Amino acid sequence: MSAKTILYVEDNEMNRKIVRDLLKHTTYLLLEAPDGEAGVAMALERRPDLILMDVQLPKVSGFEATRALRAEPAMADTPIIAITSFALAGDDAKARAAGATAYLAKPYSPFELLDMIRKLAPES
């Protein structure tokens, strides 16, 4: 069985490094996209098992990217975790309305994120 693939759509390199380091000792394969537009294109091309979607992104927001992916039949059931550093009241509901499976506000515990990933896309 092949390793599960996670796509992290995040414009901040430091945040991507944290997740890269977190997943280094797991069986997951990590793909990275620096903006919503690239994230949607990469998701459609590579069909990851799970997507980590930052909400505040250049070009296309995380909410818009999530809606675009949910409109694609091949991505309709792919778990998407919306991640935001500007957690406002109602963001959780907005993320779910856009099609996110789960929601996580920064700062978060890396272990909380890993636990969420493993629940939604168990390691092979």
PDB file of N, CA and C in Angstrom:
ATOM      1  N   MET A   1       0.841  -1.179   0.000  1.00  0.00           N
ATOM      2  CA  MET A   1       0.000   0.000   0.000  1.00  0.00           C
ATOM      3  C   MET A   1       0.888   1.245   0.000  1.00  0.00           C
ATOM      4  N   SER A   2       0.534   2.225  -0.802  1.00  0.00           N
ATOM      5  CA  SER A   2       1.377   3.414  -0.905  1.00  0.00           C
ATOM      6  C   SER A   2       1.038   4.423   0.187  1.00  0.00           C
ATOM      7  N   ALA A   3       1.986   5.309   0.449  1.00  0.00           N
ATOM      8  CA  ALA A   3       1.804   6.336   1.470  1.00  0.00           C
ATOM      9  C   ALA A   3       0.690   7.288   1.068  1.00  0.00           C
ATOM     10  N   LYS A   4      -0.008   7.788   2.052  1.00  0.00           N
ATOM     11  CA  LYS A   4      -1.059   8.767   1.780  1.00  0.00           C
ATOM     12  C   LYS A   4      -0.422  10.136   1.554  1.00  0.00           C
ATOM     13  N   THR A   5      -1.055  10.905   0.683  1.00  0.00           N
ATOM     14  CA  THR A   5      -0.537  12.209   0.298  1.00  0.00           C
ATOM     15  C   THR A   5      -1.352  13.322   0.940  1.00  0.00           C
ATOM     16  N   ILE A   6      -0.637  14.307   1.482  1.00  0.00           N
ATOM     17  CA  ILE A   6      -1.264  15.484   2.066  1.00  0.00           C
ATOM     18  C   ILE A   6      -0.792  16.692   1.278  1.00  0.00           C
ATOM     19  N   LEU A   7      -1.736  17.533   0.883  1.00  0.00           N
ATOM     20  CA  LEU A   7      -1.417  18.793   0.218  1.00  0.00           C
ATOM     21  C   LEU A   7      -1.613  19.912   1.231  1.00  0.00           C
ATOM     22  N   TYR A   8      -0.570  20.715   1.445  1.00  0.00           N
ATOM     23  CA  TYR A   8      -0.659  21.866   2.341  1.00  0.00           C
ATOM     24  C   TYR A   8      -0.633  23.130   1.502  1.00  0.00           C
ATOM     25  N   VAL A   9      -1.742  23.857   1.498  1.00  0.00           N
ATOM     26  CA  VAL A   9      -1.853  25.109   0.748  1.00  0.00           C
ATOM     27  C   VAL A   9      -1.658  26.240   1.756  1.00  0.00           C
ATOM     28  N   GLU A  10      -0.485  26.872   1.699  1.00  0.00           N
ATOM     29  CA  GLU A  10      -0.082  27.859   2.713  1.00  0.00           C
ATOM     30  C   GLU A  10       0.960  28.786   2.107  1.00  0.00           C
ATOM     31  N   ASP A  11       0.764  30.102   2.233  1.00  0.00           N
ATOM     32  CA  ASP A  11       1.706  31.059   1.657  1.00  0.00           C
ATOM     33  C   ASP A  11       2.890  31.371   2.565  1.00  0.00           C
ATOM     34  N   ASN A  12       2.818  31.009   3.848  1.00  0.00           N
ATOM     35  CA  ASN A  12       3.890  31.309   4.785  1.00  0.00           C
ATOM     36  C   ASN A  12       4.873  30.137   4.871  1.00  0.00           C
ATOM     37  N   GLU A  13       6.106  30.372   4.461  1.00  0.00           N
ATOM     38  CA  GLU A  13       7.120  29.318   4.436  1.00  0.00           C
ATOM     39  C   GLU A  13       7.378  28.736   5.830  1.00  0.00           C
ATOM     40  N   MET A  14       7.358  29.577   6.870  1.00  0.00           N
ATOM     41  CA  MET A  14       7.610  29.084   8.234  1.00  0.00           C
ATOM     42  C   MET A  14       6.506  28.102   8.646  1.00  0.00           C
ATOM     43  N   ASN A  15       5.268  28.408   8.320  1.00  0.00           N
ATOM     44  CA  ASN A  15       4.175  27.487   8.643  1.00  0.00           C
ATOM     45  C   ASN A  15       4.317  26.176   7.874  1.00  0.00           C
ATOM     46  N   ARG A  16       4.750  26.271   6.607  1.00  0.00           N
ATOM     47  CA  ARG A  16       4.961  25.042   5.823  1.00  0.00           C
ATOM     48  C   ARG A  16       6.083  24.216   6.440  1.00  0.00           C
ATOM     49  N   LYS A  17       7.139  24.880   6.938  1.00  0.00           N
ATOM     50  CA  LYS A  17       8.262  24.155   7.547  1.00  0.00           C
ATOM     51  C   LYS A  17       7.812  23.414   8.804  1.00  0.00           C
ATOM     52  N   ILE A  18       6.948  24.048   9.601  1.00  0.00           N
ATOM     53  CA  ILE A  18       6.444  23.395  10.823  1.00  0.00           C
ATOM     54  C   ILE A  18       5.733  22.089  10.460  1.00  0.00           C
ATOM     55  N   VAL A  19       4.881  22.128   9.444  1.00  0.00           N
ATOM     56  CA  VAL A  19       4.141  20.928   9.034  1.00  0.00           C
ATOM     57  C   VAL A  19       5.091  19.925   8.381  1.00  0.00           C
ATOM     58  N   ARG A  20       6.037  20.413   7.604  1.00  0.00           N
ATOM     59  CA  ARG A  20       7.052  19.533   6.989  1.00  0.00           C
ATOM     60  C   ARG A  20       7.785  18.763   8.084  1.00  0.00           C
ATOM     61  N   ASP A  21       8.224  19.476   9.132  1.00  0.00           N
ATOM     62  CA  ASP A  21       8.938  18.828  10.247  1.00  0.00           C
ATOM     63  C   ASP A  21       8.025  17.864  10.998  1.00  0.00           C
ATOM     64  N   LEU A  22       6.766  18.236  11.170  1.00  0.00           N
ATOM     65  CA  LEU A  22       5.802  17.393  11.877  1.00  0.00           C
ATOM     66  C   LEU A  22       5.603  16.058  11.157  1.00  0.00           C
ATOM     67  N   LEU A  23       5.532  16.115   9.826  1.00  0.00           N
ATOM     68  CA  LEU A  23       5.236  14.902   9.050  1.00  0.00           C
ATOM     69  C   LEU A  23       6.476  14.105   8.659  1.00  0.00           C
ATOM     70  N   LYS A  24       7.648  14.655   8.960  1.00  0.00           N
ATOM     71  CA  LYS A  24       8.905  14.014   8.573  1.00  0.00           C
ATOM     72  C   LYS A  24       9.024  12.575   9.106  1.00  0.00           C
ATOM     73  N   HIS A  25       8.497  12.342  10.299  1.00  0.00           N
ATOM     74  CA  HIS A  25       8.626  11.026  10.920  1.00  0.00           C
ATOM     75  C   HIS A  25       7.358  10.191  10.796  1.00  0.00           C
ATOM     76  N   THR A  26       6.567  10.485   9.778  1.00  0.00           N
ATOM     77  CA  THR A  26       5.348   9.712   9.506  1.00  0.00           C
ATOM     78  C   THR A  26       5.502   9.072   8.124  1.00  0.00           C
ATOM     79  N   THR A  27       4.490   8.358   7.692  1.00  0.00           N
ATOM     80  CA  THR A  27       4.538   7.751   6.355  1.00  0.00           C
ATOM     81  C   THR A  27       3.892   8.648   5.303  1.00  0.00           C
ATOM     82  N   TYR A  28       3.388   9.820   5.711  1.00  0.00           N
ATOM     83  CA  TYR A  28       2.720  10.703   4.761  1.00  0.00           C
ATOM     84  C   TYR A  28       3.703  11.343   3.784  1.00  0.00           C
ATOM     85  N   LEU A  29       3.233  11.558   2.563  1.00  0.00           N
ATOM     86  CA  LEU A  29       3.972  12.307   1.551  1.00  0.00           C
ATOM     87  C   LEU A  29       3.360  13.698   1.521  1.00  0.00           C
ATOM     88  N   LEU A  30       4.187  14.741   1.672  1.00  0.00           N
ATOM     89  CA  LEU A  30       3.682  16.109   1.723  1.00  0.00           C
ATOM     90  C   LEU A  30       3.926  16.845   0.420  1.00  0.00           C
ATOM     91  N   LEU A  31       2.857  17.431  -0.118  1.00  0.00           N
ATOM     92  CA  LEU A  31       2.938  18.335  -1.266  1.00  0.00           C
ATOM     93  C   LEU A  31       2.641  19.727  -0.736  1.00  0.00           C
ATOM     94  N   GLU A  32       3.244  20.757  -1.356  1.00  0.00           N
ATOM     95  CA  GLU A  32       3.026  22.118  -0.885  1.00  0.00           C
ATOM     96  C   GLU A  32       2.663  23.037  -2.041  1.00  0.00           C
ATOM     97  N   ALA A  33       1.732  23.960  -1.763  1.00  0.00           N
ATOM     98  CA  ALA A  33       1.339  24.979  -2.739  1.00  0.00           C
ATOM     99  C   ALA A  33       1.333  26.326  -2.025  1.00  0.00           C
ATOM    100  N   PRO A  34       1.889  27.389  -2.653  1.00  0.00           N
ATOM    101  CA  PRO A  34       2.026  28.684  -1.985  1.00  0.00           C
ATOM    102  C   PRO A  34       0.804  29.607  -2.069  1.00  0.00           C
ATOM    103  N   ASP A  35      -0.209  29.228  -2.839  1.00  0.00           N
ATOM    104  CA  ASP A  35      -1.410  30.059  -2.925  1.00  0.00           C
ATOM    105  C   ASP A  35      -2.604  29.208  -3.332  1.00  0.00           C
ATOM    106  N   GLY A  36      -3.792  29.802  -3.228  1.00  0.00           N
ATOM    107  CA  GLY A  36      -5.024  29.061  -3.505  1.00  0.00           C
ATOM    108  C   GLY A  36      -5.126  28.566  -4.930  1.00  0.00           C
ATOM    109  N   GLU A  37      -4.683  29.375  -5.873  1.00  0.00           N
ATOM    110  CA  GLU A  37      -4.750  28.996  -7.289  1.00  0.00           C
ATOM    111  C   GLU A  37      -3.884  27.758  -7.554  1.00  0.00           C
ATOM    112  N   ALA A  38      -2.645  27.798  -7.064  1.00  0.00           N
ATOM    113  CA  ALA A  38      -1.736  26.657  -7.237  1.00  0.00           C
ATOM    114  C   ALA A  38      -2.248  25.442  -6.468  1.00  0.00           C
ATOM    115  N   GLY A  39      -2.870  25.691  -5.307  1.00  0.00           N
ATOM    116  CA  GLY A  39      -3.401  24.593  -4.501  1.00  0.00           C
ATOM    117  C   GLY A  39      -4.506  23.833  -5.211  1.00  0.00           C
ATOM    118  N   VAL A  40      -5.422  24.569  -5.834  1.00  0.00           N
ATOM    119  CA  VAL A  40      -6.512  23.927  -6.576  1.00  0.00           C
ATOM    120  C   VAL A  40      -5.941  23.123  -7.743  1.00  0.00           C
ATOM    121  N   ALA A  41      -5.025  23.726  -8.493  1.00  0.00           N
ATOM    122  CA  ALA A  41      -4.422  23.032  -9.645  1.00  0.00           C
ATOM    123  C   ALA A  41      -3.694  21.769  -9.205  1.00  0.00           C
ATOM    124  N   MET A  42      -2.913  21.862  -8.117  1.00  0.00           N
ATOM    125  CA  MET A  42      -2.159  20.701  -7.648  1.00  0.00           C
ATOM    126  C   MET A  42      -3.099  19.615  -7.128  1.00  0.00           C
ATOM    127  N   ALA A  43      -4.165  20.018  -6.427  1.00  0.00           N
ATOM    128  CA  ALA A  43      -5.128  19.043  -5.900  1.00  0.00           C
ATOM    129  C   ALA A  43      -5.787  18.269  -7.036  1.00  0.00           C
ATOM    130  N   LEU A  44      -6.159  18.980  -8.091  1.00  0.00           N
ATOM    131  CA  LEU A  44      -6.826  18.313  -9.210  1.00  0.00           C
ATOM    132  C   LEU A  44      -5.865  17.401  -9.961  1.00  0.00           C
ATOM    133  N   GLU A  45      -4.596  17.790 -10.029  1.00  0.00           N
ATOM    134  CA  GLU A  45      -3.606  16.978 -10.736  1.00  0.00           C
ATOM    135  C   GLU A  45      -3.155  15.771  -9.921  1.00  0.00           C
ATOM    136  N   ARG A  46      -2.898  15.971  -8.619  1.00  0.00           N
ATOM    137  CA  ARG A  46      -2.292  14.921  -7.795  1.00  0.00           C
ATOM    138  C   ARG A  46      -3.284  14.125  -6.946  1.00  0.00           C
ATOM    139  N   ARG A  47      -4.489  14.624  -6.770  1.00  0.00           N
ATOM    140  CA  ARG A  47      -5.535  13.945  -5.993  1.00  0.00           C
ATOM    141  C   ARG A  47      -5.044  13.488  -4.608  1.00  0.00           C
ATOM    142  N   PRO A  48      -4.687  14.434  -3.738  1.00  0.00           N
ATOM    143  CA  PRO A  48      -4.192  14.063  -2.403  1.00  0.00           C
ATOM    144  C   PRO A  48      -5.281  13.376  -1.573  1.00  0.00           C
ATOM    145  N   ASP A  49      -4.838  12.686  -0.521  1.00  0.00           N
ATOM    146  CA  ASP A  49      -5.769  12.000   0.381  1.00  0.00           C
ATOM    147  C   ASP A  49      -6.380  12.965   1.393  1.00  0.00           C
ATOM    148  N   LEU A  50      -5.688  14.104   1.601  1.00  0.00           N
ATOM    149  CA  LEU A  50      -6.153  15.103   2.557  1.00  0.00           C
ATOM    150  C   LEU A  50      -5.539  16.441   2.174  1.00  0.00           C
ATOM    151  N   ILE A  51      -6.262  17.527   2.427  1.00  0.00           N
ATOM    152  CA  ILE A  51      -5.764  18.869   2.119  1.00  0.00           C
ATOM    153  C   ILE A  51      -5.808  19.719   3.376  1.00  0.00           C
ATOM    154  N   LEU A  52      -4.687  20.390   3.666  1.00  0.00           N
ATOM    155  CA  LEU A  52      -4.628  21.404   4.713  1.00  0.00           C
ATOM    156  C   LEU A  52      -4.725  22.733   3.982  1.00  0.00           C
ATOM    157  N   MET A  53      -5.759  23.509   4.254  1.00  0.00           N
ATOM    158  CA  MET A  53      -6.032  24.726   3.490  1.00  0.00           C
ATOM    159  C   MET A  53      -6.000  25.951   4.393  1.00  0.00           C
ATOM    160  N   ASP A  54      -4.979  26.785   4.219  1.00  0.00           N
ATOM    161  CA  ASP A  54      -4.954  28.055   4.933  1.00  0.00           C
ATOM    162  C   ASP A  54      -6.103  28.900   4.391  1.00  0.00           C
ATOM    163  N   VAL A  55      -6.709  29.719   5.237  1.00  0.00           N
ATOM    164  CA  VAL A  55      -7.839  30.529   4.804  1.00  0.00           C
ATOM    165  C   VAL A  55      -7.368  31.805   4.107  1.00  0.00           C
ATOM    166  N   GLN A  56      -6.350  32.458   4.671  1.00  0.00           N
ATOM    167  CA  GLN A  56      -5.837  33.719   4.118  1.00  0.00           C
ATOM    168  C   GLN A  56      -4.735  33.417   3.116  1.00  0.00           C
ATOM    169  N   LEU A  57      -5.073  33.423   1.830  1.00  0.00           N
ATOM    170  CA  LEU A  57      -4.107  33.085   0.780  1.00  0.00           C
ATOM    171  C   LEU A  57      -4.117  34.148  -0.312  1.00  0.00           C
ATOM    172  N   PRO A  58      -2.961  34.334  -0.979  1.00  0.00           N
ATOM    173  CA  PRO A  58      -2.959  35.225  -2.144  1.00  0.00           C
ATOM    174  C   PRO A  58      -3.679  34.582  -3.325  1.00  0.00           C
ATOM    175  N   LYS A  59      -4.115  35.400  -4.244  1.00  0.00           N
ATOM    176  CA  LYS A  59      -4.787  35.016  -5.493  1.00  0.00           C
ATOM    177  C   LYS A  59      -6.200  34.508  -5.256  1.00  0.00           C
ATOM    178  N   VAL A  60      -6.335  33.369  -4.608  1.00  0.00           N
ATOM    179  CA  VAL A  60      -7.648  32.771  -4.333  1.00  0.00           C
ATOM    180  C   VAL A  60      -7.663  32.405  -2.848  1.00  0.00           C
ATOM    181  N   SER A  61      -8.679  32.853  -2.113  1.00  0.00           N
ATOM    182  CA  SER A  61      -8.738  32.553  -0.676  1.00  0.00           C
ATOM    183  C   SER A  61      -8.937  31.052  -0.438  1.00  0.00           C
ATOM    184  N   GLY A  62      -8.647  30.638   0.776  1.00  0.00           N
ATOM    185  CA  GLY A  62      -8.849  29.241   1.135  1.00  0.00           C
ATOM    186  C   GLY A  62     -10.300  28.814   1.021  1.00  0.00           C
ATOM    187  N   PHE A  63     -11.224  29.735   1.358  1.00  0.00           N
ATOM    188  CA  PHE A  63     -12.650  29.422   1.224  1.00  0.00           C
ATOM    189  C   PHE A  63     -13.011  29.228  -0.243  1.00  0.00           C
ATOM    190  N   GLU A  64     -12.526  30.134  -1.106  1.00  0.00           N
ATOM    191  CA  GLU A  64     -12.814  30.024  -2.542  1.00  0.00           C
ATOM    192  C   GLU A  64     -12.203  28.743  -3.121  1.00  0.00           C
ATOM    193  N   ALA A  65     -10.963  28.444  -2.722  1.00  0.00           N
ATOM    194  CA  ALA A  65     -10.285  27.239  -3.214  1.00  0.00           C
ATOM    195  C   ALA A  65     -11.045  25.988  -2.774  1.00  0.00           C
ATOM    196  N   THR A  66     -11.513  25.989  -1.522  1.00  0.00           N
ATOM    197  CA  THR A  66     -12.274  24.838  -1.016  1.00  0.00           C
ATOM    198  C   THR A  66     -13.573  24.667  -1.811  1.00  0.00           C
ATOM    199  N   ARG A  67     -14.278  25.763  -2.062  1.00  0.00           N
ATOM    200  CA  ARG A  67     -15.509  25.683  -2.854  1.00  0.00           C
ATOM    201  C   ARG A  67     -15.226  25.158  -4.264  1.00  0.00           C
ATOM    202  N   ALA A  68     -14.126  25.636  -4.861  1.00  0.00           N
ATOM    203  CA  ALA A  68     -13.765  25.182  -6.211  1.00  0.00           C
ATOM    204  C   ALA A  68     -13.480  23.680  -6.217  1.00  0.00           C
ATOM    205  N   LEU A  69     -12.785  23.195  -5.198  1.00  0.00           N
ATOM    206  CA  LEU A  69     -12.471  21.762  -5.127  1.00  0.00           C
ATOM    207  C   LEU A  69     -13.735  20.937  -4.896  1.00  0.00           C
ATOM    208  N   ARG A  70     -14.627  21.429  -4.056  1.00  0.00           N
ATOM    209  CA  ARG A  70     -15.871  20.690  -3.774  1.00  0.00           C
ATOM    210  C   ARG A  70     -16.759  20.607  -5.017  1.00  0.00           C
ATOM    211  N   ALA A  71     -16.584  21.522  -5.951  1.00  0.00           N
ATOM    212  CA  ALA A  71     -17.368  21.504  -7.197  1.00  0.00           C
ATOM    213  C   ALA A  71     -16.879  20.431  -8.159  1.00  0.00           C
ATOM    214  N   GLU A  72     -15.690  19.878  -7.889  1.00  0.00           N
ATOM    215  CA  GLU A  72     -15.113  18.822  -8.732  1.00  0.00           C
ATOM    216  C   GLU A  72     -15.503  17.465  -8.161  1.00  0.00           C
ATOM    217  N   PRO A  73     -16.209  16.623  -8.924  1.00  0.00           N
ATOM    218  CA  PRO A  73     -16.631  15.317  -8.402  1.00  0.00           C
ATOM    219  C   PRO A  73     -15.476  14.498  -7.806  1.00  0.00           C
ATOM    220  N   ALA A  74     -14.292  14.557  -8.399  1.00  0.00           N
ATOM    221  CA  ALA A  74     -13.157  13.763  -7.919  1.00  0.00           C
ATOM    222  C   ALA A  74     -12.672  14.236  -6.542  1.00  0.00           C
ATOM    223  N   MET A  75     -13.005  15.458  -6.164  1.00  0.00           N
ATOM    224  CA  MET A  75     -12.527  16.008  -4.887  1.00  0.00           C
ATOM    225  C   MET A  75     -13.646  16.153  -3.857  1.00  0.00           C
ATOM    226  N   ALA A  76     -14.819  15.697  -4.192  1.00  0.00           N
ATOM    227  CA  ALA A  76     -15.990  15.905  -3.334  1.00  0.00           C
ATOM    228  C   ALA A  76     -15.840  15.284  -1.948  1.00  0.00           C
ATOM    229  N   ASP A  77     -15.134  14.168  -1.842  1.00  0.00           N
ATOM    230  CA  ASP A  77     -15.014  13.470  -0.559  1.00  0.00           C
ATOM    231  C   ASP A  77     -13.646  13.596   0.085  1.00  0.00           C
ATOM    232  N   THR A  78     -12.736  14.344  -0.523  1.00  0.00           N
ATOM    233  CA  THR A  78     -11.395  14.506   0.043  1.00  0.00           C
ATOM    234  C   THR A  78     -11.481  15.370   1.300  1.00  0.00           C
ATOM    235  N   PRO A  79     -10.976  14.886   2.438  1.00  0.00           N
ATOM    236  CA  PRO A  79     -11.021  15.708   3.653  1.00  0.00           C
ATOM    237  C   PRO A  79     -10.194  16.987   3.468  1.00  0.00           C
ATOM    238  N   ILE A  80     -10.774  18.109   3.892  1.00  0.00           N
ATOM    239  CA  ILE A  80     -10.087  19.398   3.848  1.00  0.00           C
ATOM    240  C   ILE A  80     -10.149  20.009   5.249  1.00  0.00           C
ATOM    241  N   ILE A  81      -8.970  20.309   5.803  1.00  0.00           N
ATOM    242  CA  ILE A  81      -8.894  20.985   7.092  1.00  0.00           C
ATOM    243  C   ILE A  81      -8.585  22.451   6.822  1.00  0.00           C
ATOM    244  N   ALA A  82      -9.524  23.332   7.151  1.00  0.00           N
ATOM    245  CA  ALA A  82      -9.311  24.773   7.011  1.00  0.00           C
ATOM    246  C   ALA A  82      -8.513  25.256   8.216  1.00  0.00           C
ATOM    247  N   ILE A  83      -7.463  26.036   7.940  1.00  0.00           N
ATOM    248  CA  ILE A  83      -6.595  26.541   9.007  1.00  0.00           C
ATOM    249  C   ILE A  83      -6.536  28.060   8.887  1.00  0.00           C
ATOM    250  N   THR A  84      -6.764  28.757  10.008  1.00  0.00           N
ATOM    251  CA  THR A  84      -6.698  30.212   9.959  1.00  0.00           C
ATOM    252  C   THR A  84      -5.979  30.799  11.159  1.00  0.00           C
ATOM    253  N   SER A  85      -5.290  31.910  10.920  1.00  0.00           N
ATOM    254  CA  SER A  85      -4.635  32.617  12.022  1.00  0.00           C
ATOM    255  C   SER A  85      -5.473  33.806  12.462  1.00  0.00           C
ATOM    256  N   PHE A  86      -6.509  34.112  11.712  1.00  0.00           N
ATOM    257  CA  PHE A  86      -7.380  35.228  12.052  1.00  0.00           C
ATOM    258  C   PHE A  86      -8.741  34.683  12.454  1.00  0.00           C
ATOM    259  N   ALA A  87      -8.742  33.863  13.500  1.00  0.00           N
ATOM    260  CA  ALA A  87      -9.978  33.193  13.910  1.00  0.00           C
ATOM    261  C   ALA A  87     -10.981  34.211  14.446  1.00  0.00           C
ATOM    262  N   LEU A  88     -12.054  34.366  13.735  1.00  0.00           N
ATOM    263  CA  LEU A  88     -13.139  35.250  14.144  1.00  0.00           C
ATOM    264  C   LEU A  88     -14.380  34.413  14.404  1.00  0.00           C
ATOM    265  N   ALA A  89     -15.279  34.964  15.173  1.00  0.00           N
ATOM    266  CA  ALA A  89     -16.536  34.259  15.423  1.00  0.00           C
ATOM    267  C   ALA A  89     -17.194  33.972  14.077  1.00  0.00           C
ATOM    268  N   GLY A  90     -17.595  32.746  13.869  1.00  0.00           N
ATOM    269  CA  GLY A  90     -18.266  32.384  12.630  1.00  0.00           C
ATOM    270  C   GLY A  90     -17.340  31.807  11.567  1.00  0.00           C
ATOM    271  N   ASP A  91     -16.024  31.891  11.765  1.00  0.00           N
ATOM    272  CA  ASP A  91     -15.098  31.338  10.770  1.00  0.00           C
ATOM    273  C   ASP A  91     -15.275  29.830  10.610  1.00  0.00           C
ATOM    274  N   ASP A  92     -15.535  29.153  11.723  1.00  0.00           N
ATOM    275  CA  ASP A  92     -15.760  27.712  11.679  1.00  0.00           C
ATOM    276  C   ASP A  92     -16.952  27.413  10.768  1.00  0.00           C
ATOM    277  N   ALA A  93     -18.036  28.147  10.955  1.00  0.00           N
ATOM    278  CA  ALA A  93     -19.240  27.951  10.132  1.00  0.00           C
ATOM    279  C   ALA A  93     -18.963  28.305   8.670  1.00  0.00           C
ATOM    280  N   LYS A  94     -18.189  29.381   8.430  1.00  0.00           N
ATOM    281  CA  LYS A  94     -17.838  29.765   7.059  1.00  0.00           C
ATOM    282  C   LYS A  94     -17.012  28.675   6.391  1.00  0.00           C
ATOM    283  N   ALA A  95     -16.062  28.113   7.139  1.00  0.00           N
ATOM    284  CA  ALA A  95     -15.208  27.052   6.594  1.00  0.00           C
ATOM    285  C   ALA A  95     -16.054  25.839   6.220  1.00  0.00           C
ATOM    286  N   ARG A  96     -16.956  25.463   7.099  1.00  0.00           N
ATOM    287  CA  ARG A  96     -17.816  24.303   6.817  1.00  0.00           C
ATOM    288  C   ARG A  96     -18.776  24.589   5.663  1.00  0.00           C
ATOM    289  N   ALA A  97     -19.266  25.828   5.591  1.00  0.00           N
ATOM    290  CA  ALA A  97     -20.159  26.203   4.486  1.00  0.00           C
ATOM    291  C   ALA A  97     -19.420  26.136   3.148  1.00  0.00           C
ATOM    292  N   ALA A  98     -18.120  26.424   3.165  1.00  0.00           N
ATOM    293  CA  ALA A  98     -17.311  26.358   1.941  1.00  0.00           C
ATOM    294  C   ALA A  98     -16.995  24.912   1.564  1.00  0.00           C
ATOM    295  N   GLY A  99     -17.185  23.991   2.523  1.00  0.00           N
ATOM    296  CA  GLY A  99     -16.946  22.584   2.230  1.00  0.00           C
ATOM    297  C   GLY A  99     -15.838  21.947   3.039  1.00  0.00           C
ATOM    298  N   ALA A 100     -15.274  22.677   3.995  1.00  0.00           N
ATOM    299  CA  ALA A 100     -14.204  22.105   4.821  1.00  0.00           C
ATOM    300  C   ALA A 100     -14.768  20.996   5.715  1.00  0.00           C
ATOM    301  N   THR A 101     -13.963  19.971   5.900  1.00  0.00           N
ATOM    302  CA  THR A 101     -14.336  18.845   6.748  1.00  0.00           C
ATOM    303  C   THR A 101     -14.119  19.183   8.215  1.00  0.00           C
ATOM    304  N   ALA A 102     -13.050  19.954   8.472  1.00  0.00           N
ATOM    305  CA  ALA A 102     -12.664  20.312   9.834  1.00  0.00           C
ATOM    306  C   ALA A 102     -12.038  21.701   9.808  1.00  0.00           C
ATOM    307  N   TYR A 103     -11.833  22.265  11.007  1.00  0.00           N
ATOM    308  CA  TYR A 103     -11.360  23.638  11.131  1.00  0.00           C
ATOM    309  C   TYR A 103     -10.371  23.695  12.289  1.00  0.00           C
ATOM    310  N   LEU A 104      -9.285  24.433  12.098  1.00  0.00           N
ATOM    311  CA  LEU A 104      -8.267  24.563  13.138  1.00  0.00           C
ATOM    312  C   LEU A 104      -7.771  26.004  13.143  1.00  0.00           C
ATOM    313  N   ALA A 105      -7.749  26.633  14.327  1.00  0.00           N
ATOM    314  CA  ALA A 105      -7.271  28.017  14.454  1.00  0.00           C
ATOM    315  C   ALA A 105      -5.819  28.021  14.914  1.00  0.00           C
ATOM    316  N   LYS A 106      -5.008  28.913  14.315  1.00  0.00           N
ATOM    317  CA  LYS A 106      -3.624  29.105  14.750  1.00  0.00           C
ATOM    318  C   LYS A 106      -3.640  30.059  15.947  1.00  0.00           C
ATOM    319  N   PRO A 107      -2.710  29.949  16.881  1.00  0.00           N
ATOM    320  CA  PRO A 107      -1.710  28.886  16.926  1.00  0.00           C
ATOM    321  C   PRO A 107      -2.353  27.594  17.417  1.00  0.00           C
ATOM    322  N   TYR A 108      -1.900  26.495  16.854  1.00  0.00           N
ATOM    323  CA  TYR A 108      -2.421  25.192  17.255  1.00  0.00           C
ATOM    324  C   TYR A 108      -1.239  24.326  17.677  1.00  0.00           C
ATOM    325  N   SER A 109      -1.547  23.296  18.417  1.00  0.00           N
ATOM    326  CA  SER A 109      -0.521  22.331  18.780  1.00  0.00           C
ATOM    327  C   SER A 109      -0.260  21.460  17.554  1.00  0.00           C
ATOM    328  N   PRO A 110       1.012  21.305  17.148  1.00  0.00           N
ATOM    329  CA  PRO A 110       1.303  20.419  16.016  1.00  0.00           C
ATOM    330  C   PRO A 110       0.741  19.011  16.235  1.00  0.00           C
ATOM    331  N   PHE A 111       0.715  18.581  17.484  1.00  0.00           N
ATOM    332  CA  PHE A 111       0.205  17.238  17.773  1.00  0.00           C
ATOM    333  C   PHE A 111      -1.309  17.179  17.600  1.00  0.00           C
ATOM    334  N   GLU A 112      -1.987  18.286  17.870  1.00  0.00           N
ATOM    335  CA  GLU A 112      -3.433  18.363  17.623  1.00  0.00           C
ATOM    336  C   GLU A 112      -3.692  18.242  16.119  1.00  0.00           C
ATOM    337  N   LEU A 113      -2.869  18.926  15.312  1.00  0.00           N
ATOM    338  CA  LEU A 113      -3.008  18.827  13.861  1.00  0.00           C
ATOM    339  C   LEU A 113      -2.734  17.401  13.394  1.00  0.00           C
ATOM    340  N   LEU A 114      -1.672  16.790  13.886  1.00  0.00           N
ATOM    341  CA  LEU A 114      -1.329  15.427  13.477  1.00  0.00           C
ATOM    342  C   LEU A 114      -2.445  14.450  13.860  1.00  0.00           C
ATOM    343  N   ASP A 115      -3.020  14.648  15.030  1.00  0.00           N
ATOM    344  CA  ASP A 115      -4.131  13.800  15.467  1.00  0.00           C
ATOM    345  C   ASP A 115      -5.326  13.944  14.511  1.00  0.00           C
ATOM    346  N   MET A 116      -5.608  15.181  14.109  1.00  0.00           N
ATOM    347  CA  MET A 116      -6.712  15.444  13.179  1.00  0.00           C
ATOM    348  C   MET A 116      -6.430  14.789  11.823  1.00  0.00           C
ATOM    349  N   ILE A 117      -5.197  14.918  11.349  1.00  0.00           N
ATOM    350  CA  ILE A 117      -4.799  14.313  10.073  1.00  0.00           C
ATOM    351  C   ILE A 117      -4.993  12.799  10.133  1.00  0.00           C
ATOM    352  N   ARG A 118      -4.508  12.197  11.227  1.00  0.00           N
ATOM    353  CA  ARG A 118      -4.591  10.731  11.351  1.00  0.00           C
ATOM    354  C   ARG A 118      -6.033  10.236  11.459  1.00  0.00           C
ATOM    355  N   LYS A 119      -6.917  11.042  12.014  1.00  0.00           N
ATOM    356  CA  LYS A 119      -8.333  10.651  12.089  1.00  0.00           C
ATOM    357  C   LYS A 119      -8.981  10.697  10.706  1.00  0.00           C
ATOM    358  N   LEU A 120      -8.640  11.725   9.929  1.00  0.00           N
ATOM    359  CA  LEU A 120      -9.277  11.905   8.624  1.00  0.00           C
ATOM    360  C   LEU A 120      -8.626  11.099   7.497  1.00  0.00           C
ATOM    361  N   ALA A 121      -7.326  10.811   7.641  1.00  0.00           N
ATOM    362  CA  ALA A 121      -6.599  10.042   6.627  1.00  0.00           C
ATOM    363  C   ALA A 121      -5.575   9.166   7.342  1.00  0.00           C
ATOM    364  N   PRO A 122      -6.027   8.074   7.953  1.00  0.00           N
ATOM    365  CA  PRO A 122      -5.128   7.210   8.714  1.00  0.00           C
ATOM    366  C   PRO A 122      -3.916   6.769   7.883  1.00  0.00           C
ATOM    367  N   GLU A 123      -2.753   6.717   8.550  1.00  0.00           N
ATOM    368  CA  GLU A 123      -1.540   6.289   7.867  1.00  0.00           C
ATOM    369  C   GLU A 123      -1.697   4.862   7.358  1.00  0.00           C
ATOM    370  N   SER A 124      -1.063   4.607   6.230  1.00  0.00           N
ATOM    371  CA  SER A 124      -1.142   3.266   5.616  1.00  0.00           C
ATOM    372  C   SER A 124      -0.378   2.259   6.428  1.00  0.00           C
TER     373      SER A 124
END
